[in-house]
Every structure is written in structure tokens, then in C-alpha cells.
Amino acid sequence: MVPERQRDARLRELLALSEGDDHLSTAHLSRGLGELARQARVVRHALATPLSYWDNPLAPETPWGRRARCDAYDRAIGEARRALWEWLLLFRWLDERERLVLLGLGLSPAPFYAALFRPGVFDRSDDLWEEVLYPEAPDVAHVFAELRRTMIALRTFEATLLARVTDPYRR
């Protein structure tokens, strides 16, 4: 497949994974669980963004152009990492009853912590202060696979949480 077609197919898939029913109600959930479900959508949108900034140019680029492209990607991947980290912090604010509900549904933050710390996804360099003219390019296929996996897990988490109905008249 041509690199442009691969890139476009990846972007279409990530955008499809980031979309969802924004009008779904969280009224049947507690305040903490409702916020967790709403923020899962936000994180999915943030995870879809970084690869849209990593375009392979059609013509040879200048070192400054490459630096600008890498900086835009770095900012986007940093925002995605921050969004996932802030979402994971919401778990700490849940009360015991809400944690038991998640446990009963088989939901855990463990796979998301694993995704956050998986090497080669949310990081670009070992040295954050390194200023090189030609920064190392991310492994786009690896980043795409991991972002995709995390977005699917977030969508499943959200759907499971929203499908939880305690009121028999809401079915």
C-alpha cells in the first residue's frame, strides 16, 4: 500500500474510534462514574490527534521544517499522554462504592496504566532537553497500533459503564 494511503487509512480508523455517541446520558451513573465515562470520550479524541501531525512530506524538507513537524507531533503526543494521565487520576477520586461497581463490571485502570508506560508510544527521546537538528522519527506503525488498542479499550470501558443499569425501568 502506498504510504499516503496507509497514513490516510490509519487516520480514518483513529477518527472513527474517537467518534461516539456524545448524546448518551450518564444520568444513571454516580457523579464519579459519569465523569469517568465523559472523560473517556475526551481521551479517545486526544489519542486520535498525534498521528495527524506526522505527515511524511512529498518533497525533501529542510531541517527546520522537520524540526517544526516533530515539535507539532511532540506537542500532540504530550497532550494525549496528559489526557490519559488525568483520566487515570479520576480513579483515585472514586469512593469505595464506585470502585466496587467497576470491579463488578470487570473494569480496571490497569490496561491503561500499561499503555501509558509502554515504551515507544508516548515518548520521543531519552533526553527531554536534547536539541538535535534531526530528531529521531517515531515508529508510526507501533504508535498507531498502541493508540488504536488503547482507544478500543477506552471505548469498551465506556460502553460497559454506560450499559450498567440499576433501575429496572430504564431498560
N, C-alpha and C. Protein backbone atom coordinates (compact mmCIF):
# COMPACT_ATOMS: atom_id res chain seq x y z
N MET A 1 0.85 -1.18 0.00
CA MET A 1 0.00 0.00 0.00
C MET A 1 0.90 1.25 0.00
N VAL A 2 0.51 2.24 -0.73
CA VAL A 2 1.26 3.49 -0.82
C VAL A 2 1.26 4.17 0.56
N PRO A 3 2.41 4.76 0.96
CA PRO A 3 2.47 5.39 2.29
C PRO A 3 1.36 6.40 2.56
N GLU A 4 0.98 7.18 1.53
CA GLU A 4 -0.09 8.15 1.74
C GLU A 4 -1.42 7.45 2.02
N ARG A 5 -1.65 6.35 1.32
CA ARG A 5 -2.88 5.59 1.55
C ARG A 5 -2.88 4.94 2.92
N GLN A 6 -1.71 4.42 3.32
CA GLN A 6 -1.60 3.85 4.67
C GLN A 6 -1.89 4.90 5.72
N ARG A 7 -1.29 6.07 5.55
CA ARG A 7 -1.49 7.16 6.51
C ARG A 7 -2.95 7.56 6.57
N ASP A 8 -3.57 7.71 5.41
CA ASP A 8 -4.98 8.10 5.37
C ASP A 8 -5.88 7.03 5.99
N ALA A 9 -5.55 5.76 5.74
CA ALA A 9 -6.35 4.67 6.33
C ALA A 9 -6.21 4.67 7.85
N ARG A 10 -4.99 4.91 8.34
CA ARG A 10 -4.77 4.98 9.79
C ARG A 10 -5.56 6.13 10.40
N LEU A 11 -5.49 7.29 9.75
CA LEU A 11 -6.19 8.47 10.27
C LEU A 11 -7.70 8.25 10.29
N ARG A 12 -8.23 7.64 9.22
CA ARG A 12 -9.67 7.36 9.17
C ARG A 12 -10.07 6.42 10.30
N GLU A 13 -9.25 5.39 10.54
CA GLU A 13 -9.58 4.44 11.59
C GLU A 13 -9.52 5.09 12.97
N LEU A 14 -8.49 5.91 13.22
CA LEU A 14 -8.39 6.58 14.52
C LEU A 14 -9.54 7.56 14.72
N LEU A 15 -9.92 8.27 13.67
CA LEU A 15 -11.04 9.20 13.80
C LEU A 15 -12.34 8.46 14.05
N ALA A 16 -12.51 7.30 13.41
CA ALA A 16 -13.71 6.50 13.65
C ALA A 16 -13.75 6.00 15.09
N LEU A 17 -12.59 5.63 15.62
CA LEU A 17 -12.53 5.17 17.01
C LEU A 17 -12.76 6.30 17.99
N SER A 18 -12.41 7.53 17.60
CA SER A 18 -12.58 8.65 18.53
C SER A 18 -14.01 9.17 18.53
N GLU A 19 -14.76 8.86 17.49
CA GLU A 19 -16.14 9.31 17.43
C GLU A 19 -17.01 8.42 18.32
N GLY A 20 -18.12 8.95 18.69
CA GLY A 20 -19.04 8.18 19.52
C GLY A 20 -20.32 8.94 19.70
N ASP A 21 -21.21 8.33 20.43
CA ASP A 21 -22.47 8.99 20.74
C ASP A 21 -22.25 9.98 21.86
N ASP A 22 -22.09 11.24 21.50
CA ASP A 22 -21.86 12.27 22.51
C ASP A 22 -23.14 12.60 23.28
N HIS A 23 -24.27 12.16 22.77
CA HIS A 23 -25.53 12.48 23.43
C HIS A 23 -25.98 11.38 24.40
N LEU A 24 -25.13 10.35 24.60
CA LEU A 24 -25.51 9.31 25.56
C LEU A 24 -25.54 9.88 26.96
N SER A 25 -26.53 9.51 27.70
CA SER A 25 -26.74 10.05 29.04
C SER A 25 -25.94 9.26 30.07
N THR A 26 -25.39 9.99 31.02
CA THR A 26 -24.71 9.38 32.16
C THR A 26 -25.52 9.62 33.44
N ALA A 27 -26.77 9.99 33.28
CA ALA A 27 -27.62 10.33 34.43
C ALA A 27 -27.83 9.13 35.36
N HIS A 28 -27.77 7.92 34.83
CA HIS A 28 -27.99 6.74 35.65
C HIS A 28 -26.75 6.33 36.44
N LEU A 29 -25.63 7.03 36.21
CA LEU A 29 -24.39 6.73 36.91
C LEU A 29 -24.17 7.73 38.05
N SER A 30 -23.36 7.34 39.00
CA SER A 30 -22.99 8.28 40.06
C SER A 30 -22.15 9.40 39.45
N ARG A 31 -21.93 10.43 40.21
CA ARG A 31 -21.18 11.60 39.69
C ARG A 31 -19.77 11.19 39.25
N GLY A 32 -19.09 10.39 40.07
CA GLY A 32 -17.73 9.97 39.74
C GLY A 32 -17.67 9.08 38.52
N LEU A 33 -18.58 8.11 38.42
CA LEU A 33 -18.59 7.21 37.27
C LEU A 33 -19.04 7.93 36.00
N GLY A 34 -19.96 8.87 36.14
CA GLY A 34 -20.39 9.66 34.98
C GLY A 34 -19.25 10.49 34.43
N GLU A 35 -18.47 11.09 35.33
CA GLU A 35 -17.30 11.88 34.90
C GLU A 35 -16.26 10.98 34.24
N LEU A 36 -16.09 9.78 34.76
CA LEU A 36 -15.16 8.83 34.17
C LEU A 36 -15.58 8.47 32.74
N ALA A 37 -16.86 8.25 32.52
CA ALA A 37 -17.37 7.93 31.18
C ALA A 37 -17.22 9.11 30.24
N ARG A 38 -17.55 10.32 30.71
CA ARG A 38 -17.44 11.51 29.85
C ARG A 38 -15.99 11.77 29.46
N GLN A 39 -15.08 11.64 30.42
CA GLN A 39 -13.67 11.91 30.14
C GLN A 39 -13.04 10.82 29.28
N ALA A 40 -13.59 9.62 29.28
CA ALA A 40 -13.08 8.56 28.39
C ALA A 40 -13.26 9.00 26.94
N ARG A 41 -14.35 9.69 26.64
CA ARG A 41 -14.57 10.20 25.28
C ARG A 41 -13.52 11.26 24.93
N VAL A 42 -13.22 12.13 25.88
CA VAL A 42 -12.23 13.18 25.66
C VAL A 42 -10.86 12.57 25.38
N VAL A 43 -10.51 11.53 26.15
CA VAL A 43 -9.22 10.88 25.96
C VAL A 43 -9.15 10.21 24.59
N ARG A 44 -10.24 9.58 24.16
CA ARG A 44 -10.24 8.97 22.83
C ARG A 44 -9.98 10.01 21.75
N HIS A 45 -10.57 11.19 21.89
CA HIS A 45 -10.31 12.26 20.92
C HIS A 45 -8.85 12.71 20.97
N ALA A 46 -8.29 12.82 22.16
CA ALA A 46 -6.89 13.25 22.29
C ALA A 46 -5.94 12.22 21.70
N LEU A 47 -6.25 10.94 21.84
CA LEU A 47 -5.38 9.90 21.31
C LEU A 47 -5.42 9.83 19.78
N ALA A 48 -6.48 10.32 19.19
CA ALA A 48 -6.58 10.30 17.73
C ALA A 48 -5.76 11.40 17.07
N THR A 49 -5.33 12.38 17.82
CA THR A 49 -4.69 13.57 17.26
C THR A 49 -3.24 13.42 16.82
N PRO A 50 -2.34 12.78 17.59
CA PRO A 50 -0.91 12.85 17.26
C PRO A 50 -0.53 12.43 15.86
N LEU A 51 -1.09 11.33 15.36
CA LEU A 51 -0.67 10.87 14.05
C LEU A 51 -1.10 11.79 12.92
N SER A 52 -2.07 12.65 13.18
CA SER A 52 -2.45 13.61 12.14
C SER A 52 -1.38 14.67 11.94
N TYR A 53 -0.48 14.81 12.93
CA TYR A 53 0.61 15.77 12.81
C TYR A 53 1.87 15.15 12.19
N TRP A 54 1.89 13.83 12.04
CA TRP A 54 3.08 13.20 11.49
C TRP A 54 2.83 12.84 10.04
N ASP A 55 3.05 13.78 9.16
CA ASP A 55 2.93 13.57 7.72
C ASP A 55 4.31 13.39 7.13
N ASN A 56 4.44 12.42 6.26
CA ASN A 56 5.68 12.31 5.51
C ASN A 56 5.59 13.27 4.35
N PRO A 57 6.52 14.20 4.27
CA PRO A 57 6.44 15.20 3.20
C PRO A 57 6.68 14.57 1.83
N LEU A 58 6.08 15.17 0.83
CA LEU A 58 6.23 14.66 -0.53
C LEU A 58 7.60 15.02 -1.12
N ALA A 59 8.15 16.13 -0.71
CA ALA A 59 9.45 16.58 -1.20
C ALA A 59 10.43 16.60 -0.03
N PRO A 60 11.72 16.57 -0.34
CA PRO A 60 12.70 16.69 0.76
C PRO A 60 12.45 17.97 1.54
N GLU A 61 12.58 17.86 2.85
CA GLU A 61 12.30 19.03 3.68
C GLU A 61 13.58 19.57 4.29
N THR A 62 13.51 20.79 4.71
CA THR A 62 14.64 21.42 5.36
C THR A 62 14.73 20.91 6.80
N PRO A 63 15.89 21.02 7.41
CA PRO A 63 15.98 20.61 8.82
C PRO A 63 15.01 21.38 9.71
N TRP A 64 14.75 22.63 9.39
CA TRP A 64 13.85 23.44 10.20
C TRP A 64 12.40 23.00 10.01
N GLY A 65 12.08 22.60 8.79
CA GLY A 65 10.73 22.07 8.53
C GLY A 65 10.50 20.78 9.28
N ARG A 66 11.52 19.91 9.28
CA ARG A 66 11.41 18.65 10.02
C ARG A 66 11.29 18.92 11.52
N ARG A 67 12.07 19.89 12.01
CA ARG A 67 12.01 20.23 13.43
C ARG A 67 10.61 20.71 13.81
N ALA A 68 10.01 21.55 12.96
CA ALA A 68 8.66 22.06 13.22
C ALA A 68 7.65 20.92 13.22
N ARG A 69 7.79 19.98 12.28
CA ARG A 69 6.88 18.85 12.20
C ARG A 69 7.02 17.96 13.43
N CYS A 70 8.26 17.74 13.86
CA CYS A 70 8.49 16.93 15.06
C CYS A 70 7.95 17.62 16.30
N ASP A 71 8.11 18.94 16.37
CA ASP A 71 7.59 19.69 17.51
C ASP A 71 6.07 19.59 17.60
N ALA A 72 5.39 19.68 16.45
CA ALA A 72 3.93 19.57 16.44
C ALA A 72 3.50 18.18 16.90
N TYR A 73 4.20 17.16 16.44
CA TYR A 73 3.90 15.79 16.87
C TYR A 73 4.15 15.63 18.36
N ASP A 74 5.29 16.15 18.83
CA ASP A 74 5.63 16.07 20.26
C ASP A 74 4.56 16.72 21.12
N ARG A 75 4.07 17.89 20.71
CA ARG A 75 3.03 18.56 21.48
C ARG A 75 1.75 17.72 21.51
N ALA A 76 1.39 17.16 20.36
CA ALA A 76 0.15 16.36 20.29
C ALA A 76 0.27 15.07 21.11
N ILE A 77 1.41 14.40 21.04
CA ILE A 77 1.57 13.16 21.81
C ILE A 77 1.65 13.48 23.29
N GLY A 78 2.23 14.64 23.62
CA GLY A 78 2.28 15.08 25.02
C GLY A 78 0.89 15.38 25.55
N GLU A 79 0.06 16.01 24.74
CA GLU A 79 -1.33 16.29 25.15
C GLU A 79 -2.12 14.99 25.32
N ALA A 80 -1.89 14.03 24.43
CA ALA A 80 -2.57 12.74 24.55
C ALA A 80 -2.14 12.02 25.82
N ARG A 81 -0.84 12.04 26.11
CA ARG A 81 -0.33 11.43 27.34
C ARG A 81 -0.92 12.10 28.57
N ARG A 82 -0.98 13.44 28.56
CA ARG A 82 -1.54 14.18 29.69
C ARG A 82 -3.02 13.86 29.88
N ALA A 83 -3.78 13.78 28.77
CA ALA A 83 -5.21 13.47 28.86
C ALA A 83 -5.43 12.08 29.46
N LEU A 84 -4.62 11.10 29.04
CA LEU A 84 -4.75 9.75 29.58
C LEU A 84 -4.37 9.73 31.06
N TRP A 85 -3.31 10.45 31.41
CA TRP A 85 -2.87 10.50 32.80
C TRP A 85 -3.93 11.16 33.68
N GLU A 86 -4.52 12.26 33.24
CA GLU A 86 -5.56 12.92 34.03
C GLU A 86 -6.80 12.04 34.17
N TRP A 87 -7.11 11.27 33.13
CA TRP A 87 -8.25 10.35 33.21
C TRP A 87 -7.97 9.27 34.25
N LEU A 88 -6.74 8.77 34.27
CA LEU A 88 -6.38 7.76 35.26
C LEU A 88 -6.43 8.31 36.68
N LEU A 89 -6.17 9.59 36.83
CA LEU A 89 -6.26 10.19 38.17
C LEU A 89 -7.69 10.23 38.69
N LEU A 90 -8.67 10.21 37.79
CA LEU A 90 -10.07 10.19 38.22
C LEU A 90 -10.39 8.94 39.04
N PHE A 91 -9.67 7.85 38.78
CA PHE A 91 -9.91 6.62 39.54
C PHE A 91 -9.60 6.82 41.02
N ARG A 92 -8.63 7.66 41.33
CA ARG A 92 -8.25 7.88 42.73
C ARG A 92 -9.35 8.60 43.50
N TRP A 93 -10.19 9.35 42.82
CA TRP A 93 -11.22 10.14 43.49
C TRP A 93 -12.53 9.38 43.64
N LEU A 94 -12.60 8.16 43.13
CA LEU A 94 -13.82 7.37 43.27
C LEU A 94 -13.95 6.89 44.70
N ASP A 95 -15.19 6.85 45.19
CA ASP A 95 -15.39 6.30 46.54
C ASP A 95 -15.45 4.78 46.46
N GLU A 96 -15.53 4.15 47.60
CA GLU A 96 -15.46 2.69 47.68
C GLU A 96 -16.61 2.02 46.91
N ARG A 97 -17.81 2.59 47.00
CA ARG A 97 -18.97 2.02 46.30
C ARG A 97 -18.77 2.05 44.79
N GLU A 98 -18.23 3.16 44.27
CA GLU A 98 -17.99 3.27 42.83
C GLU A 98 -16.90 2.29 42.38
N ARG A 99 -15.89 2.10 43.21
CA ARG A 99 -14.83 1.13 42.88
C ARG A 99 -15.40 -0.29 42.83
N LEU A 100 -16.32 -0.59 43.75
CA LEU A 100 -16.95 -1.91 43.73
C LEU A 100 -17.80 -2.12 42.49
N VAL A 101 -18.46 -1.06 42.04
CA VAL A 101 -19.24 -1.15 40.80
C VAL A 101 -18.32 -1.48 39.64
N LEU A 102 -17.19 -0.77 39.54
CA LEU A 102 -16.23 -1.04 38.46
C LEU A 102 -15.70 -2.47 38.55
N LEU A 103 -15.39 -2.90 39.76
CA LEU A 103 -14.89 -4.26 39.96
C LEU A 103 -15.94 -5.28 39.53
N GLY A 104 -17.20 -5.02 39.87
CA GLY A 104 -18.29 -5.91 39.48
C GLY A 104 -18.49 -5.98 37.97
N LEU A 105 -18.16 -4.89 37.29
CA LEU A 105 -18.27 -4.87 35.82
C LEU A 105 -17.02 -5.41 35.14
N GLY A 106 -16.01 -5.72 35.93
CA GLY A 106 -14.76 -6.22 35.37
C GLY A 106 -13.89 -5.13 34.76
N LEU A 107 -14.07 -3.89 35.23
CA LEU A 107 -13.33 -2.76 34.69
C LEU A 107 -12.19 -2.38 35.64
N SER A 108 -11.03 -2.12 35.06
CA SER A 108 -9.86 -1.79 35.85
C SER A 108 -9.01 -0.77 35.08
N PRO A 109 -8.29 0.09 35.80
CA PRO A 109 -7.40 1.03 35.11
C PRO A 109 -6.07 0.39 34.70
N ALA A 110 -5.81 -0.84 35.08
CA ALA A 110 -4.52 -1.49 34.82
C ALA A 110 -4.10 -1.47 33.35
N PRO A 111 -4.98 -1.81 32.39
CA PRO A 111 -4.51 -1.79 30.99
C PRO A 111 -4.15 -0.39 30.50
N PHE A 112 -4.74 0.62 31.10
CA PHE A 112 -4.46 1.99 30.68
C PHE A 112 -3.14 2.49 31.27
N TYR A 113 -2.84 2.05 32.49
CA TYR A 113 -1.51 2.35 33.05
C TYR A 113 -0.44 1.67 32.21
N ALA A 114 -0.69 0.42 31.80
CA ALA A 114 0.26 -0.31 30.97
C ALA A 114 0.48 0.42 29.64
N ALA A 115 -0.59 0.93 29.04
CA ALA A 115 -0.46 1.66 27.78
C ALA A 115 0.31 2.96 27.97
N LEU A 116 0.09 3.61 29.10
CA LEU A 116 0.75 4.88 29.37
C LEU A 116 2.26 4.71 29.48
N PHE A 117 2.70 3.61 30.06
CA PHE A 117 4.12 3.40 30.29
C PHE A 117 4.78 2.46 29.28
N ARG A 118 4.06 2.04 28.26
CA ARG A 118 4.63 1.17 27.24
C ARG A 118 5.69 1.95 26.45
N PRO A 119 6.90 1.42 26.32
CA PRO A 119 7.96 2.16 25.64
C PRO A 119 7.66 2.40 24.15
N GLY A 120 8.08 3.55 23.68
CA GLY A 120 7.98 3.87 22.26
C GLY A 120 6.65 4.44 21.80
N VAL A 121 5.71 4.67 22.72
CA VAL A 121 4.41 5.18 22.31
C VAL A 121 4.28 6.66 22.65
N PHE A 122 4.36 6.98 23.92
CA PHE A 122 4.16 8.36 24.35
C PHE A 122 5.47 9.11 24.59
N ASP A 123 6.57 8.52 24.19
CA ASP A 123 7.85 9.19 24.37
C ASP A 123 8.54 9.37 23.03
N ARG A 124 9.43 10.31 22.98
CA ARG A 124 10.15 10.56 21.74
C ARG A 124 11.65 10.42 21.90
N SER A 125 12.15 10.70 23.08
CA SER A 125 13.59 10.72 23.27
C SER A 125 13.91 10.39 24.71
N ASP A 126 15.08 9.82 24.93
CA ASP A 126 15.50 9.57 26.31
C ASP A 126 15.87 10.86 27.02
N ASP A 127 16.34 11.82 26.27
CA ASP A 127 16.77 13.10 26.83
C ASP A 127 15.77 14.18 26.42
N LEU A 128 14.96 14.63 27.37
CA LEU A 128 13.93 15.62 27.06
C LEU A 128 14.49 16.95 26.62
N TRP A 129 15.72 17.27 27.01
CA TRP A 129 16.30 18.58 26.71
C TRP A 129 17.22 18.53 25.50
N GLU A 130 17.26 17.39 24.84
CA GLU A 130 18.13 17.24 23.68
C GLU A 130 17.61 18.09 22.52
N GLU A 131 18.48 18.93 22.01
CA GLU A 131 18.15 19.76 20.86
C GLU A 131 18.99 19.30 19.68
N VAL A 132 18.43 18.43 18.88
CA VAL A 132 19.16 17.95 17.71
C VAL A 132 18.48 18.48 16.47
N LEU A 133 19.27 18.60 15.42
CA LEU A 133 18.73 19.11 14.17
C LEU A 133 17.79 18.11 13.52
N TYR A 134 18.16 16.83 13.58
CA TYR A 134 17.33 15.77 13.01
C TYR A 134 16.87 14.82 14.11
N PRO A 135 15.73 15.11 14.76
CA PRO A 135 15.24 14.22 15.81
C PRO A 135 14.83 12.87 15.21
N GLU A 136 14.93 11.84 16.02
CA GLU A 136 14.56 10.50 15.58
C GLU A 136 13.04 10.45 15.35
N ALA A 137 12.66 9.87 14.24
CA ALA A 137 11.24 9.78 13.89
C ALA A 137 10.57 8.69 14.73
N PRO A 138 9.31 8.88 15.08
CA PRO A 138 8.60 7.83 15.83
C PRO A 138 8.33 6.64 14.92
N ASP A 139 8.17 5.48 15.50
CA ASP A 139 7.77 4.28 14.77
C ASP A 139 6.25 4.37 14.61
N VAL A 140 5.83 4.92 13.49
CA VAL A 140 4.41 5.24 13.29
C VAL A 140 3.53 4.00 13.39
N ALA A 141 3.99 2.88 12.85
CA ALA A 141 3.18 1.66 12.91
C ALA A 141 2.98 1.20 14.35
N HIS A 142 4.03 1.27 15.15
CA HIS A 142 3.94 0.88 16.56
C HIS A 142 3.03 1.85 17.33
N VAL A 143 3.23 3.14 17.12
CA VAL A 143 2.41 4.14 17.81
C VAL A 143 0.95 3.97 17.42
N PHE A 144 0.69 3.78 16.13
CA PHE A 144 -0.68 3.59 15.66
C PHE A 144 -1.31 2.37 16.32
N ALA A 145 -0.59 1.25 16.36
CA ALA A 145 -1.14 0.02 16.94
C ALA A 145 -1.47 0.21 18.42
N GLU A 146 -0.59 0.88 19.15
CA GLU A 146 -0.82 1.07 20.58
C GLU A 146 -1.94 2.08 20.84
N LEU A 147 -1.97 3.18 20.08
CA LEU A 147 -3.06 4.14 20.25
C LEU A 147 -4.40 3.50 19.91
N ARG A 148 -4.41 2.71 18.86
CA ARG A 148 -5.62 2.01 18.44
C ARG A 148 -6.09 1.07 19.54
N ARG A 149 -5.18 0.28 20.08
CA ARG A 149 -5.51 -0.66 21.15
C ARG A 149 -6.08 0.08 22.37
N THR A 150 -5.47 1.19 22.72
CA THR A 150 -5.92 1.95 23.88
C THR A 150 -7.28 2.58 23.62
N MET A 151 -7.50 3.08 22.41
CA MET A 151 -8.80 3.68 22.08
C MET A 151 -9.91 2.63 22.09
N ILE A 152 -9.62 1.44 21.61
CA ILE A 152 -10.62 0.36 21.63
C ILE A 152 -10.93 -0.02 23.08
N ALA A 153 -9.90 -0.09 23.92
CA ALA A 153 -10.12 -0.40 25.34
C ALA A 153 -10.93 0.69 26.02
N LEU A 154 -10.67 1.95 25.67
CA LEU A 154 -11.45 3.06 26.24
C LEU A 154 -12.91 3.00 25.79
N ARG A 155 -13.11 2.70 24.52
CA ARG A 155 -14.48 2.60 24.01
C ARG A 155 -15.23 1.45 24.70
N THR A 156 -14.57 0.32 24.90
CA THR A 156 -15.17 -0.81 25.59
C THR A 156 -15.47 -0.46 27.04
N PHE A 157 -14.53 0.21 27.70
CA PHE A 157 -14.73 0.66 29.08
C PHE A 157 -15.96 1.55 29.17
N GLU A 158 -16.03 2.53 28.27
CA GLU A 158 -17.15 3.47 28.28
C GLU A 158 -18.48 2.76 28.01
N ALA A 159 -18.50 1.87 27.01
CA ALA A 159 -19.75 1.16 26.67
C ALA A 159 -20.20 0.28 27.82
N THR A 160 -19.28 -0.41 28.47
CA THR A 160 -19.63 -1.26 29.61
C THR A 160 -20.19 -0.43 30.75
N LEU A 161 -19.56 0.70 31.00
CA LEU A 161 -20.03 1.56 32.09
C LEU A 161 -21.39 2.17 31.78
N LEU A 162 -21.60 2.60 30.54
CA LEU A 162 -22.88 3.21 30.17
C LEU A 162 -24.00 2.18 30.09
N ALA A 163 -23.66 0.91 29.85
CA ALA A 163 -24.68 -0.13 29.76
C ALA A 163 -25.16 -0.59 31.13
N ARG A 164 -24.44 -0.19 32.16
CA ARG A 164 -24.83 -0.58 33.52
C ARG A 164 -26.11 0.14 33.90
N VAL A 165 -27.13 -0.63 34.16
CA VAL A 165 -28.43 -0.05 34.54
C VAL A 165 -28.85 -0.67 35.86
N THR A 166 -29.09 0.18 36.85
CA THR A 166 -29.55 -0.33 38.14
C THR A 166 -31.05 -0.18 38.31
N ASP A 167 -31.65 0.71 37.53
CA ASP A 167 -33.08 0.93 37.60
C ASP A 167 -33.79 -0.01 36.62
N PRO A 168 -34.66 -0.90 37.07
CA PRO A 168 -35.31 -1.85 36.14
C PRO A 168 -36.20 -1.16 35.11
N TYR A 169 -36.61 0.08 35.34
CA TYR A 169 -37.49 0.76 34.39
C TYR A 169 -36.71 1.49 33.30
N ARG A 170 -35.38 1.48 33.36
CA ARG A 170 -34.57 2.18 32.36
C ARG A 170 -34.13 1.25 31.23
N ARG A 171 -34.49 0.00 31.26
CA ARG A 171 -34.02 -0.96 30.24
C ARG A 171 -34.67 -0.74 28.93
